[in-house]
Amino acid sequence: MIGLLMALPRTPLHLRMEREGRLLPVARHSDNTSLTTNIVPKCMSAEAMAAGYQMLYGRLLTGPEIGRRIRNKAAYLRVPVYGSGYPMGQRVGIVVRLLVRGILSGGLSTLVPFVRSFPFLTPSRIPMVISDWIIGLSMKAFAERHLTGATRRREAD
């Protein structure tokens, strides 16, 4: 997860930002998925920081990057910590939906990293890989909807 830093009330960071005059009022302190922060950045504008945040999210949530992180996790994880608790029929349905809605609809830029991340030699890791792909593609869809909408709202203001 990535997010813009938020100085929560009654914390040392909040006190320091207040002391330095770098604290902005915000309606909600608990949302770290928006383009909002209550801290005035020192070395860039708030707009540049938000643009960098959007660019980073876009880069991290591509098929190749999701696949790279999953391969890295599988390489260092000795014993999988996730096992599917679903009956076989539901597992097949989950995999089919992942393939149709997530992998194949993403084209070769998603299919190739998916195949490269698939643990053919260690089948006990298959549930973890499937789960991580679902999570990664869900985050990608969320970020595309959320950050695109935030950009449009900011441009309209």
C-alpha atoms as a PDB file:
ATOM      1  CA  MET A   1       0.000   0.000   0.000  1.00  0.00           C
ATOM      2  CA  ILE A   2       1.066   3.513  -0.685  1.00  0.00           C
ATOM      3  CA  GLY A   3      -0.558   6.690   0.473  1.00  0.00           C
ATOM      4  CA  LEU A   4       0.089  10.352   1.044  1.00  0.00           C
ATOM      5  CA  LEU A   5       1.292  11.075   4.550  1.00  0.00           C
ATOM      6  CA  MET A   6      -1.349  12.340   6.942  1.00  0.00           C
ATOM      7  CA  ALA A   7      -0.405  13.837  10.313  1.00  0.00           C
ATOM      8  CA  LEU A   8      -2.948  12.423  12.720  1.00  0.00           C
ATOM      9  CA  PRO A   9      -4.135  14.630  15.600  1.00  0.00           C
ATOM     10  CA  ARG A  10      -2.367  14.230  18.931  1.00  0.00           C
ATOM     11  CA  THR A  11       0.765  12.682  17.380  1.00  0.00           C
ATOM     12  CA  PRO A  12       4.335  14.028  17.422  1.00  0.00           C
ATOM     13  CA  LEU A  13       4.190  14.522  13.640  1.00  0.00           C
ATOM     14  CA  HIS A  14       1.003  16.586  13.928  1.00  0.00           C
ATOM     15  CA  LEU A  15       2.554  18.737  16.659  1.00  0.00           C
ATOM     16  CA  ARG A  16       5.738  19.257  14.615  1.00  0.00           C
ATOM     17  CA  MET A  17       3.836  20.189  11.433  1.00  0.00           C
ATOM     18  CA  GLU A  18       1.689  22.601  13.457  1.00  0.00           C
ATOM     19  CA  ARG A  19       4.813  24.149  15.012  1.00  0.00           C
ATOM     20  CA  GLU A  20       6.410  24.549  11.553  1.00  0.00           C
ATOM     21  CA  GLY A  21       3.225  26.064  10.087  1.00  0.00           C
ATOM     22  CA  ARG A  22       2.918  23.180   7.631  1.00  0.00           C
ATOM     23  CA  LEU A  23      -0.439  21.801   8.763  1.00  0.00           C
ATOM     24  CA  LEU A  24      -3.551  22.119   6.630  1.00  0.00           C
ATOM     25  CA  PRO A  25      -7.129  21.570   7.811  1.00  0.00           C
ATOM     26  CA  VAL A  26      -8.804  18.476   6.336  1.00  0.00           C
ATOM     27  CA  ALA A  27     -12.255  17.028   6.878  1.00  0.00           C
ATOM     28  CA  ARG A  28     -11.135  13.415   7.393  1.00  0.00           C
ATOM     29  CA  HIS A  29      -7.821  12.159   8.714  1.00  0.00           C
ATOM     30  CA  SER A  30      -8.469   8.463   8.164  1.00  0.00           C
ATOM     31  CA  ASP A  31      -8.541   8.274   4.344  1.00  0.00           C
ATOM     32  CA  ASN A  32      -5.130   7.351   2.995  1.00  0.00           C
ATOM     33  CA  THR A  33      -6.471   6.432  -0.452  1.00  0.00           C
ATOM     34  CA  SER A  34      -7.220   9.955  -1.611  1.00  0.00           C
ATOM     35  CA  LEU A  35      -5.118  12.725  -3.085  1.00  0.00           C
ATOM     36  CA  THR A  36      -5.389  14.614   0.196  1.00  0.00           C
ATOM     37  CA  THR A  37      -2.854  15.325   2.871  1.00  0.00           C
ATOM     38  CA  ASN A  38      -2.792  17.760   5.736  1.00  0.00           C
ATOM     39  CA  ILE A  39       0.944  18.375   5.383  1.00  0.00           C
ATOM     40  CA  VAL A  40       2.443  21.136   3.252  1.00  0.00           C
ATOM     41  CA  PRO A  41       5.394  19.545   1.415  1.00  0.00           C
ATOM     42  CA  LYS A  42       8.777  21.256   1.724  1.00  0.00           C
ATOM     43  CA  CYS A  43      10.464  20.587  -1.613  1.00  0.00           C
ATOM     44  CA  MET A  44       7.552  20.474  -4.065  1.00  0.00           C
ATOM     45  CA  SER A  45       4.080  21.765  -4.605  1.00  0.00           C
ATOM     46  CA  ALA A  46       1.051  19.838  -3.393  1.00  0.00           C
ATOM     47  CA  GLU A  47       0.059  19.397  -7.052  1.00  0.00           C
ATOM     48  CA  ALA A  48       3.450  17.884  -7.940  1.00  0.00           C
ATOM     49  CA  MET A  49       3.206  15.547  -4.955  1.00  0.00           C
ATOM     50  CA  ALA A  50      -0.306  14.404  -5.986  1.00  0.00           C
ATOM     51  CA  ALA A  51       0.853  13.886  -9.587  1.00  0.00           C
ATOM     52  CA  GLY A  52       3.819  11.825  -8.385  1.00  0.00           C
ATOM     53  CA  TYR A  53       1.507   9.750  -6.202  1.00  0.00           C
ATOM     54  CA  GLN A  54      -0.759   9.049  -9.173  1.00  0.00           C
ATOM     55  CA  MET A  55       2.214   8.163 -11.374  1.00  0.00           C
ATOM     56  CA  LEU A  56       3.617   5.784  -8.755  1.00  0.00           C
ATOM     57  CA  TYR A  57       0.251   4.047  -8.342  1.00  0.00           C
ATOM     58  CA  GLY A  58      -0.035   3.697 -12.111  1.00  0.00           C
ATOM     59  CA  ARG A  59       3.446   2.190 -12.360  1.00  0.00           C
ATOM     60  CA  LEU A  60       3.076  -0.230  -9.440  1.00  0.00           C
ATOM     61  CA  LEU A  61      -0.250  -1.613 -10.639  1.00  0.00           C
ATOM     62  CA  THR A  62       0.733  -2.730 -14.128  1.00  0.00           C
ATOM     63  CA  GLY A  63       0.672  -6.438 -14.995  1.00  0.00           C
ATOM     64  CA  PRO A  64       4.480  -6.740 -15.082  1.00  0.00           C
ATOM     65  CA  GLU A  65       4.875  -5.047 -11.676  1.00  0.00           C
ATOM     66  CA  ILE A  66       2.125  -7.116 -10.026  1.00  0.00           C
ATOM     67  CA  GLY A  67       3.738 -10.263 -11.448  1.00  0.00           C
ATOM     68  CA  ARG A  68       7.226  -9.202 -10.295  1.00  0.00           C
ATOM     69  CA  ARG A  69       6.045  -8.694  -6.712  1.00  0.00           C
ATOM     70  CA  ILE A  70       4.230 -12.040  -6.701  1.00  0.00           C
ATOM     71  CA  ARG A  71       7.308 -13.862  -8.076  1.00  0.00           C
ATOM     72  CA  ASN A  72       9.464 -12.165  -5.458  1.00  0.00           C
ATOM     73  CA  LYS A  73       7.055 -13.131  -2.666  1.00  0.00           C
ATOM     74  CA  ALA A  74       6.929 -16.747  -3.850  1.00  0.00           C
ATOM     75  CA  ALA A  75      10.736 -16.907  -4.080  1.00  0.00           C
ATOM     76  CA  TYR A  76      11.213 -15.907  -0.442  1.00  0.00           C
ATOM     77  CA  LEU A  77       8.161 -17.538   1.120  1.00  0.00           C
ATOM     78  CA  ARG A  78       9.152 -21.002   2.300  1.00  0.00           C
ATOM     79  CA  VAL A  79       5.751 -22.323   3.307  1.00  0.00           C
ATOM     80  CA  PRO A  80       2.597 -20.789   1.878  1.00  0.00           C
ATOM     81  CA  VAL A  81       0.429 -19.133   4.483  1.00  0.00           C
ATOM     82  CA  TYR A  82      -2.708 -19.224   2.377  1.00  0.00           C
ATOM     83  CA  GLY A  83      -4.766 -22.232   1.459  1.00  0.00           C
ATOM     84  CA  SER A  84      -8.099 -22.067  -0.266  1.00  0.00           C
ATOM     85  CA  GLY A  85     -11.027 -22.897   1.990  1.00  0.00           C
ATOM     86  CA  TYR A  86     -13.440 -23.045  -0.955  1.00  0.00           C
ATOM     87  CA  PRO A  87     -14.897 -26.235  -2.409  1.00  0.00           C
ATOM     88  CA  MET A  88     -13.480 -27.293  -5.785  1.00  0.00           C
ATOM     89  CA  GLY A  89     -16.427 -25.901  -7.788  1.00  0.00           C
ATOM     90  CA  GLN A  90     -16.022 -22.435  -6.275  1.00  0.00           C
ATOM     91  CA  ARG A  91     -12.245 -22.545  -6.764  1.00  0.00           C
ATOM     92  CA  VAL A  92     -12.694 -23.289 -10.458  1.00  0.00           C
ATOM     93  CA  GLY A  93     -15.199 -20.425 -10.720  1.00  0.00           C
ATOM     94  CA  ILE A  94     -12.800 -18.013  -9.024  1.00  0.00           C
ATOM     95  CA  VAL A  95      -9.941 -18.977 -11.351  1.00  0.00           C
ATOM     96  CA  VAL A  96     -12.155 -18.735 -14.448  1.00  0.00           C
ATOM     97  CA  ARG A  97     -13.364 -15.252 -13.427  1.00  0.00           C
ATOM     98  CA  LEU A  98      -9.782 -14.153 -12.718  1.00  0.00           C
ATOM     99  CA  LEU A  99      -8.641 -15.406 -16.119  1.00  0.00           C
ATOM    100  CA  VAL A 100     -11.553 -13.947 -18.103  1.00  0.00           C
ATOM    101  CA  ARG A 101     -12.104 -10.633 -16.291  1.00  0.00           C
ATOM    102  CA  GLY A 102      -8.570  -9.877 -15.144  1.00  0.00           C
ATOM    103  CA  ILE A 103      -5.843 -11.706 -17.006  1.00  0.00           C
ATOM    104  CA  LEU A 104      -7.151 -12.169 -20.561  1.00  0.00           C
ATOM    105  CA  SER A 105      -8.924  -8.800 -20.639  1.00  0.00           C
ATOM    106  CA  GLY A 106      -5.578  -7.175 -19.780  1.00  0.00           C
ATOM    107  CA  GLY A 107      -3.961  -8.530 -22.926  1.00  0.00           C
ATOM    108  CA  LEU A 108      -0.410  -9.774 -23.260  1.00  0.00           C
ATOM    109  CA  SER A 109       0.873  -7.155 -20.819  1.00  0.00           C
ATOM    110  CA  THR A 110      -1.024  -9.020 -18.085  1.00  0.00           C
ATOM    111  CA  LEU A 111      -1.051 -12.561 -19.467  1.00  0.00           C
ATOM    112  CA  VAL A 112       2.731 -12.897 -19.789  1.00  0.00           C
ATOM    113  CA  PRO A 113       3.478 -11.716 -16.207  1.00  0.00           C
ATOM    114  CA  PHE A 114       0.696 -13.983 -14.898  1.00  0.00           C
ATOM    115  CA  VAL A 115       2.181 -17.048 -16.618  1.00  0.00           C
ATOM    116  CA  ARG A 116       5.688 -16.094 -15.435  1.00  0.00           C
ATOM    117  CA  SER A 117       4.440 -15.801 -11.835  1.00  0.00           C
ATOM    118  CA  PHE A 118       2.522 -19.093 -11.855  1.00  0.00           C
ATOM    119  CA  PRO A 119       4.172 -21.669  -9.539  1.00  0.00           C
ATOM    120  CA  PHE A 120       4.172 -24.690 -11.870  1.00  0.00           C
ATOM    121  CA  LEU A 121       6.812 -26.509  -9.791  1.00  0.00           C
ATOM    122  CA  THR A 122       5.302 -25.677  -6.398  1.00  0.00           C
ATOM    123  CA  PRO A 123       1.546 -26.248  -6.633  1.00  0.00           C
ATOM    124  CA  SER A 124       1.056 -25.550  -2.922  1.00  0.00           C
ATOM    125  CA  ARG A 125       1.640 -21.872  -3.772  1.00  0.00           C
ATOM    126  CA  ILE A 126      -1.115 -21.701  -6.399  1.00  0.00           C
ATOM    127  CA  PRO A 127      -3.825 -20.405  -3.990  1.00  0.00           C
ATOM    128  CA  MET A 128      -1.476 -17.629  -2.823  1.00  0.00           C
ATOM    129  CA  VAL A 129      -0.620 -16.607  -6.391  1.00  0.00           C
ATOM    130  CA  ILE A 130      -4.279 -16.595  -7.445  1.00  0.00           C
ATOM    131  CA  SER A 131      -5.221 -14.572  -4.360  1.00  0.00           C
ATOM    132  CA  ASP A 132      -2.400 -12.060  -4.894  1.00  0.00           C
ATOM    133  CA  TRP A 133      -3.369 -11.551  -8.554  1.00  0.00           C
ATOM    134  CA  ILE A 134      -6.972 -10.924  -7.539  1.00  0.00           C
ATOM    135  CA  ILE A 135      -5.810  -8.395  -4.945  1.00  0.00           C
ATOM    136  CA  GLY A 136      -3.405  -6.672  -7.356  1.00  0.00           C
ATOM    137  CA  LEU A 137      -5.946  -6.371 -10.161  1.00  0.00           C
ATOM    138  CA  SER A 138      -8.626  -5.193  -7.716  1.00  0.00           C
ATOM    139  CA  MET A 139      -6.280  -2.469  -6.442  1.00  0.00           C
ATOM    140  CA  LYS A 140      -5.523  -1.495 -10.044  1.00  0.00           C
ATOM    141  CA  ALA A 141      -9.240  -1.123 -10.817  1.00  0.00           C
ATOM    142  CA  PHE A 142      -9.797   0.823  -7.577  1.00  0.00           C
ATOM    143  CA  ALA A 143      -6.878   3.174  -8.276  1.00  0.00           C
ATOM    144  CA  GLU A 144      -8.006   3.777 -11.851  1.00  0.00           C
ATOM    145  CA  ARG A 145     -11.524   4.688 -10.706  1.00  0.00           C
ATOM    146  CA  HIS A 146     -10.506   6.585  -7.592  1.00  0.00           C
ATOM    147  CA  LEU A 147      -7.512   8.533  -8.871  1.00  0.00           C
ATOM    148  CA  THR A 148      -9.079   9.358 -12.236  1.00  0.00           C
ATOM    149  CA  GLY A 149     -12.165  10.692 -10.466  1.00  0.00           C
ATOM    150  CA  ALA A 150     -10.032  12.704  -8.065  1.00  0.00           C
ATOM    151  CA  THR A 151      -8.106  14.252 -10.946  1.00  0.00           C
ATOM    152  CA  ARG A 152     -11.323  15.265 -12.697  1.00  0.00           C
ATOM    153  CA  ARG A 153     -12.728  16.770  -9.472  1.00  0.00           C
ATOM    154  CA  ARG A 154      -9.508  18.736  -8.879  1.00  0.00           C
ATOM    155  CA  GLU A 155      -9.474  20.050 -12.468  1.00  0.00           C
ATOM    156  CA  ALA A 156     -13.119  21.156 -12.163  1.00  0.00           C
ATOM    157  CA  ASP A 157     -12.394  23.221  -9.016  1.00  0.00           C
END
